[in-house]
Amino acid sequence: MVPVLAFDIETIPDCDGLRRVHGLSLELSDAQVAEFAFERRREQTAGASDFLPLHQHRVAAIACLFRDDRGLKVRALGAAGDPEERLLQDFFRVIERHTPQLVSWNGGGFDLPVLHYRGLVHGVRAERYWDQGENDRDFRWNNYISRYHARHVDLMDLLALYSPRASAPLDDLARLCGFPGKVGMDGSRVWDAHRDGRIDEIRAYCETDAVNTYLLFTRFQLMRGALSQQAYAQEIALVRETVGALDGAHWRAFLDAWPQ
């Protein structure tokens, strides 16, 4: 089988970058820098949003569910104290090694552009990911970059027929399909958790989002005929079995929210 990599990222404001871009004093705390950026964003959007432009985010966690012939694995990349550059390089190294089918929820609109910008900032190498036929002719017709190619499937974008007005949240669709949805926190609370030093909690939350994304992809594969009903049931059972064998309170909460 072609390996599948369902992934999710969590981000925080890039406070060091914001200091450079806006010429802010080094004496300002990260909290003060972030609040400056949030307020500036509220002014730009007439109070509608304080969500920062994507190039002003920093990656706090990357979680992956990797499925191949040998089984299924779930984990947040690196360790809690690892620098952002290592997390980015680890992610693109998986692509370099396995050429997987990438699966995301809003990955084309958020996760991948953030990874692009941060990879550029850190000088990360990602030759396989960026190949559009220069090194492998097959990638001319099917690569990770083109919206209409299949090496990356952004489920949210695809199911909405590329119409932002029709898009739906991951949590809602997961719950509608009988899957656990988000447990523990949501993206709006990541910055506060990071400020409190709760990095492990952020990584755990990111892992459960990666699993929700894969569960929805499996349901999508059933809908489009790529999986039989029996194969779908076996895949769901494998996810449940794999999660059940993992340590962590977030996995117990995940299973509690997913009755058989």
Protein backbone atom coordinates (compact mmCIF):
# COMPACT_ATOMS: atom_id res chain seq x y z
CA MET A 1 0.00 0.00 0.00
CA VAL A 2 0.99 3.62 -0.44
CA PRO A 3 1.88 4.95 3.04
CA VAL A 4 -0.53 7.52 4.46
CA LEU A 5 0.56 10.42 6.64
CA ALA A 6 -2.30 12.27 8.33
CA PHE A 7 -0.92 15.31 10.12
CA ASP A 8 -1.79 18.37 12.15
CA ILE A 9 0.15 21.32 13.53
CA GLU A 10 -0.33 23.69 16.44
CA THR A 11 1.10 27.18 16.37
CA ILE A 12 1.84 30.18 18.57
CA PRO A 13 2.82 33.76 17.68
CA ASP A 14 6.39 34.09 16.38
CA CYS A 15 7.37 36.65 18.99
CA ASP A 16 11.02 36.88 17.93
CA GLY A 17 9.95 37.44 14.34
CA LEU A 18 7.35 40.01 15.37
CA ARG A 19 10.04 41.95 17.22
CA ARG A 20 12.15 42.06 14.05
CA VAL A 21 9.31 42.90 11.68
CA HIS A 22 7.88 45.69 13.83
CA GLY A 23 11.10 46.92 15.42
CA LEU A 24 9.85 46.17 18.92
CA SER A 25 12.01 46.50 21.99
CA LEU A 26 13.79 43.40 23.22
CA GLU A 27 12.66 44.39 26.70
CA LEU A 28 9.05 43.55 25.85
CA SER A 29 7.91 40.13 27.05
CA ASP A 30 6.55 37.55 24.60
CA ALA A 31 3.09 38.15 26.05
CA GLN A 32 3.38 41.88 25.36
CA VAL A 33 4.67 41.28 21.83
CA ALA A 34 1.84 38.88 21.08
CA GLU A 35 -0.77 41.28 22.45
CA PHE A 36 0.69 44.03 20.27
CA ALA A 37 0.28 41.78 17.23
CA PHE A 38 -3.23 40.71 18.22
CA GLU A 39 -4.32 44.32 18.69
CA ARG A 40 -2.79 45.33 15.37
CA ARG A 41 -4.67 42.50 13.70
CA ARG A 42 -7.96 43.56 15.33
CA GLU A 43 -7.41 47.06 13.96
CA GLN A 44 -6.76 45.67 10.47
CA THR A 45 -9.94 43.55 10.53
CA ALA A 46 -12.16 46.16 12.21
CA GLY A 47 -12.35 43.98 15.28
CA ALA A 48 -13.50 40.89 13.39
CA SER A 49 -10.47 38.75 14.22
CA ASP A 50 -7.11 38.74 15.96
CA PHE A 51 -5.91 35.66 14.06
CA LEU A 52 -2.40 36.49 12.88
CA PRO A 53 -1.24 36.23 9.26
CA LEU A 54 0.26 32.81 8.61
CA HIS A 55 3.84 34.03 8.27
CA GLN A 56 3.64 35.36 11.85
CA HIS A 57 3.02 31.93 13.36
CA ARG A 58 5.60 29.62 14.91
CA VAL A 59 5.12 25.85 14.99
CA ALA A 60 4.72 24.53 18.53
CA ALA A 61 3.82 20.92 17.64
CA ILE A 62 3.48 18.61 14.64
CA ALA A 63 1.61 15.34 15.09
CA CYS A 64 1.44 12.51 12.58
CA LEU A 65 -0.51 9.33 12.10
CA PHE A 66 1.55 7.09 9.81
CA ARG A 67 -0.08 4.06 8.18
CA ASP A 68 1.76 1.56 6.00
CA ASP A 69 1.91 -2.20 5.44
CA ARG A 70 3.57 -2.68 8.82
CA GLY A 71 0.78 -1.06 10.78
CA LEU A 72 -0.21 2.29 12.25
CA LYS A 73 1.72 4.72 14.45
CA VAL A 74 0.71 7.99 16.10
CA ARG A 75 3.03 10.50 17.70
CA ALA A 76 3.99 14.12 17.98
CA LEU A 77 7.33 14.67 16.30
CA GLY A 78 10.42 15.30 18.38
CA ALA A 79 10.30 16.08 22.08
CA ALA A 80 8.65 18.85 24.06
CA GLY A 81 11.83 20.93 24.30
CA ASP A 82 12.98 20.53 20.69
CA PRO A 83 13.54 23.66 18.59
CA GLU A 84 11.06 24.43 15.83
CA GLU A 85 13.65 23.74 13.14
CA ARG A 86 13.99 20.12 14.23
CA LEU A 87 10.23 19.53 14.18
CA LEU A 88 10.04 20.93 10.65
CA GLN A 89 12.96 18.89 9.40
CA ASP A 90 11.59 15.71 10.97
CA PHE A 91 8.28 16.22 9.15
CA PHE A 92 9.86 16.71 5.75
CA ARG A 93 12.27 13.84 6.40
CA VAL A 94 9.30 11.46 6.69
CA ILE A 95 8.14 12.63 3.25
CA GLU A 96 11.66 12.25 1.85
CA ARG A 97 11.91 8.70 3.16
CA HIS A 98 8.43 7.32 2.41
CA THR A 99 6.74 9.56 -0.22
CA PRO A 100 3.42 9.13 1.64
CA GLN A 101 -0.07 10.20 0.78
CA LEU A 102 -0.47 13.39 2.84
CA VAL A 103 -3.87 13.91 4.48
CA SER A 104 -4.94 17.03 6.34
CA TRP A 105 -7.92 19.07 7.40
CA ASN A 106 -7.38 22.60 6.08
CA GLY A 107 -3.76 21.73 5.41
CA GLY A 108 -3.80 23.66 2.16
CA GLY A 109 -5.21 26.74 3.84
CA PHE A 110 -3.18 26.70 7.03
CA ASP A 111 -0.83 23.87 8.03
CA LEU A 112 1.25 23.59 4.87
CA PRO A 113 1.63 27.35 4.20
CA VAL A 114 2.83 27.78 7.78
CA LEU A 115 5.29 24.91 7.32
CA HIS A 116 6.46 26.53 4.07
CA TYR A 117 7.12 29.90 5.69
CA ARG A 118 8.81 28.41 8.74
CA GLY A 119 10.88 26.06 6.61
CA LEU A 120 12.05 29.04 4.59
CA VAL A 121 12.95 30.97 7.75
CA HIS A 122 15.00 28.07 9.12
CA GLY A 123 16.56 26.86 5.85
CA VAL A 124 14.91 23.44 6.11
CA ARG A 125 15.60 20.94 3.28
CA ALA A 126 12.54 19.35 1.62
CA GLU A 127 13.55 18.23 -1.88
CA ARG A 128 10.98 15.46 -2.29
CA TYR A 129 8.13 17.60 -1.05
CA TRP A 130 8.86 20.46 -3.48
CA ASP A 131 9.58 18.24 -6.50
CA GLN A 132 7.26 19.08 -9.40
CA GLY A 133 8.93 16.82 -11.93
CA GLU A 134 12.46 18.17 -11.88
CA ASN A 135 13.87 15.06 -10.16
CA ASP A 136 11.08 12.51 -10.62
CA ARG A 137 9.02 12.69 -13.81
CA ASP A 138 6.01 11.15 -12.03
CA PHE A 139 5.83 14.23 -9.84
CA ARG A 140 5.14 16.38 -12.88
CA TRP A 141 1.65 14.90 -13.00
CA ASN A 142 1.10 14.19 -9.31
CA ASN A 143 2.90 16.20 -6.64
CA TYR A 144 2.36 17.69 -3.20
CA ILE A 145 2.06 21.29 -4.37
CA SER A 146 -0.78 21.41 -6.90
CA ARG A 147 -4.30 21.67 -5.45
CA TYR A 148 -5.64 19.25 -8.06
CA HIS A 149 -3.03 16.55 -7.54
CA ALA A 150 -3.56 13.72 -5.09
CA ARG A 151 -0.32 13.38 -3.12
CA HIS A 152 -1.83 15.81 -0.63
CA VAL A 153 -5.54 15.53 0.13
CA ASP A 154 -6.95 18.46 2.09
CA LEU A 155 -10.19 16.83 3.16
CA MET A 156 -11.84 20.05 4.27
CA ASP A 157 -11.10 21.78 0.98
CA LEU A 158 -12.05 18.77 -1.14
CA LEU A 159 -15.34 18.05 0.62
CA ALA A 160 -16.28 21.74 0.34
CA LEU A 161 -15.50 21.65 -3.41
CA TYR A 162 -12.83 24.32 -2.82
CA SER A 163 -15.42 26.83 -1.59
CA PRO A 164 -14.46 28.49 1.73
CA ARG A 165 -18.15 29.24 2.35
CA ALA A 166 -18.89 25.51 2.37
CA SER A 167 -16.04 24.44 4.67
CA ALA A 168 -16.71 22.71 7.98
CA PRO A 169 -14.71 22.37 11.23
CA LEU A 170 -12.84 19.15 11.91
CA ASP A 171 -14.46 18.80 15.33
CA ASP A 172 -18.00 19.04 13.95
CA LEU A 173 -17.47 16.55 11.12
CA ALA A 174 -15.68 14.07 13.37
CA ARG A 175 -18.54 14.14 15.87
CA LEU A 176 -21.17 13.92 13.14
CA CYS A 177 -19.47 10.76 11.88
CA GLY A 178 -19.41 9.23 15.37
CA PHE A 179 -15.72 9.88 16.04
CA PRO A 180 -14.41 11.54 19.23
CA GLY A 181 -13.65 15.00 17.91
CA LYS A 182 -11.48 17.36 19.92
CA VAL A 183 -10.64 16.44 23.50
CA GLY A 184 -8.73 18.45 26.07
CA MET A 185 -8.48 21.84 24.34
CA ASP A 186 -8.92 23.64 21.04
CA GLY A 187 -6.67 25.80 18.92
CA SER A 188 -7.75 29.04 20.56
CA ARG A 189 -6.24 27.87 23.85
CA VAL A 190 -2.83 26.79 22.56
CA TRP A 191 -1.11 30.14 23.16
CA ASP A 192 -2.28 30.27 26.78
CA ALA A 193 -1.19 26.68 27.32
CA HIS A 194 2.22 27.42 25.83
CA ARG A 195 2.66 30.46 28.09
CA ASP A 196 1.86 28.22 31.06
CA GLY A 197 4.50 25.70 29.97
CA ARG A 198 1.94 23.00 29.12
CA ILE A 199 3.78 21.85 26.00
CA ASP A 200 2.95 18.18 26.54
CA GLU A 201 -0.74 19.07 26.62
CA ILE A 202 -0.42 20.87 23.29
CA ARG A 203 1.37 17.89 21.76
CA ALA A 204 -1.31 15.52 23.08
CA TYR A 205 -4.08 17.67 21.61
CA CYS A 206 -2.27 17.76 18.28
CA GLU A 207 -2.01 13.97 18.26
CA THR A 208 -5.75 13.52 18.72
CA ASP A 209 -6.43 15.92 15.84
CA ALA A 210 -4.19 13.82 13.59
CA VAL A 211 -6.19 10.72 14.52
CA ASN A 212 -9.52 12.48 13.91
CA THR A 213 -8.21 13.53 10.50
CA TYR A 214 -7.27 9.95 9.62
CA LEU A 215 -10.62 8.61 10.79
CA LEU A 216 -12.40 11.06 8.49
CA PHE A 217 -10.08 10.11 5.64
CA THR A 218 -10.95 6.46 6.20
CA ARG A 219 -14.65 7.31 6.06
CA PHE A 220 -13.98 9.28 2.86
CA GLN A 221 -12.21 6.26 1.36
CA LEU A 222 -15.32 4.20 2.10
CA MET A 223 -17.56 6.82 0.50
CA ARG A 224 -15.55 6.99 -2.71
CA GLY A 225 -15.22 3.21 -3.01
CA ALA A 226 -11.52 2.91 -2.22
CA LEU A 227 -12.39 0.75 0.81
CA SER A 228 -15.00 -1.96 1.09
CA GLN A 229 -17.30 -1.97 4.11
CA GLN A 230 -15.26 -4.82 5.57
CA ALA A 231 -11.92 -3.09 4.94
CA TYR A 232 -13.30 0.11 6.46
CA ALA A 233 -14.44 -1.72 9.60
CA GLN A 234 -11.01 -3.36 9.90
CA GLU A 235 -9.24 -0.02 9.56
CA ILE A 236 -11.41 1.62 12.21
CA ALA A 237 -10.76 -1.35 14.51
CA LEU A 238 -7.01 -0.94 13.92
CA VAL A 239 -7.16 2.71 14.91
CA ARG A 240 -9.12 1.89 18.06
CA GLU A 241 -6.73 -0.93 18.96
CA THR A 242 -3.66 1.24 18.34
CA VAL A 243 -4.99 4.14 20.40
CA GLY A 244 -6.03 1.77 23.17
CA ALA A 245 -2.45 0.56 23.51
CA LEU A 246 -1.03 4.08 23.90
CA ASP A 247 -0.24 5.71 27.22
CA GLY A 248 -1.65 9.08 28.16
CA ALA A 249 -4.75 10.62 29.67
CA HIS A 250 -5.64 12.17 26.31
CA TRP A 251 -5.98 8.73 24.75
CA ARG A 252 -8.23 7.54 27.57
CA ALA A 253 -10.39 10.63 27.08
CA PHE A 254 -10.36 10.00 23.32
CA LEU A 255 -11.64 6.46 23.74
CA ASP A 256 -14.21 7.55 26.33
CA ALA A 257 -15.61 9.94 23.70
CA TRP A 258 -15.73 7.14 21.11
CA PRO A 259 -18.23 4.50 22.23
CA GLN A 260 -18.25 1.23 20.32
